[in-house]
């Protein structure tokens, strides 16, 4: 499409890095309730970066979330 200029076409890359994970989780459950607690959530701290690069090699400043 001639209306779309090369300098207006961007590629976006999103990268997520997990900084820390709790080493273990302990849940106290009754003898017959074990099934309800399998796969309990683990608290994590993560950082996501987003980078944008145009078709003509220009770039936007990265964003950190």
Protein backbone atom coordinates (compact mmCIF):
# COMPACT_ATOMS: atom_id res chain seq x y z
CA UNK A 1 0.00 0.00 0.00
CA UNK A 2 1.66 3.28 -1.10
CA UNK A 3 -0.10 5.19 1.70
CA UNK A 4 1.94 3.30 4.34
CA UNK A 5 5.39 4.83 4.67
CA UNK A 6 8.40 2.69 5.62
CA UNK A 7 9.25 5.01 8.52
CA UNK A 8 5.79 4.38 10.01
CA UNK A 9 6.13 0.58 10.17
CA UNK A 10 7.47 -0.62 13.53
CA UNK A 11 8.40 -3.97 14.97
CA UNK A 12 7.75 -4.43 18.69
CA UNK A 13 9.65 -6.79 20.99
CA UNK A 14 8.40 -7.54 24.50
CA UNK A 15 10.68 -9.32 26.98
CA UNK A 16 9.77 -10.40 30.50
CA UNK A 17 12.38 -11.24 33.14
CA UNK A 18 11.52 -12.79 36.50
CA UNK A 19 13.71 -11.20 39.17
CA UNK A 20 12.75 -13.34 42.16
CA UNK A 21 10.59 -16.28 43.15
CA UNK A 22 9.86 -17.47 46.66
CA UNK A 23 11.83 -20.66 47.29
CA UNK A 24 8.87 -22.64 48.63
CA UNK A 25 5.25 -22.40 49.63
CA UNK A 26 3.67 -24.38 52.43
CA UNK A 27 -0.08 -24.81 52.68
CA UNK A 28 -1.82 -26.50 55.58
CA UNK A 29 -4.82 -28.52 54.35
CA UNK A 30 -7.09 -31.24 55.59
CA UNK A 31 -6.56 -34.87 54.64
CA UNK A 32 -9.30 -34.81 51.97
CA UNK A 33 -8.68 -31.30 50.56
CA UNK A 34 -5.21 -31.77 48.99
CA UNK A 35 -6.55 -31.59 45.45
CA UNK A 36 -7.87 -28.04 45.96
CA UNK A 37 -4.41 -26.63 46.70
CA UNK A 38 -2.24 -28.19 44.02
CA UNK A 39 -0.47 -25.56 41.93
CA UNK A 40 -0.82 -22.78 44.50
CA UNK A 41 0.27 -19.40 43.16
CA UNK A 42 3.82 -18.27 43.83
CA UNK A 43 4.56 -14.59 44.39
CA UNK A 44 6.99 -13.29 41.74
CA UNK A 45 8.66 -10.01 40.92
CA UNK A 46 9.15 -9.43 37.21
CA UNK A 47 10.17 -6.66 34.81
CA UNK A 48 8.89 -6.30 31.24
CA UNK A 49 10.73 -4.29 28.58
CA UNK A 50 9.23 -3.15 25.29
CA UNK A 51 11.40 -2.09 22.35
CA UNK A 52 10.18 -0.57 19.05
CA UNK A 53 12.29 -0.44 15.87
CA UNK A 54 11.08 0.98 12.55
CA UNK A 55 11.64 -0.52 9.10
CA UNK A 56 14.19 2.22 8.32
CA UNK A 57 16.24 1.38 11.49
CA UNK A 58 14.97 4.19 13.71
CA UNK A 59 13.91 3.28 17.23
CA UNK A 60 11.83 4.58 20.11
CA UNK A 61 13.19 4.69 23.64
CA UNK A 62 12.55 1.37 25.42
CA UNK A 63 9.79 1.19 28.02
CA UNK A 64 10.25 -0.67 31.30
CA UNK A 65 7.13 -1.92 33.05
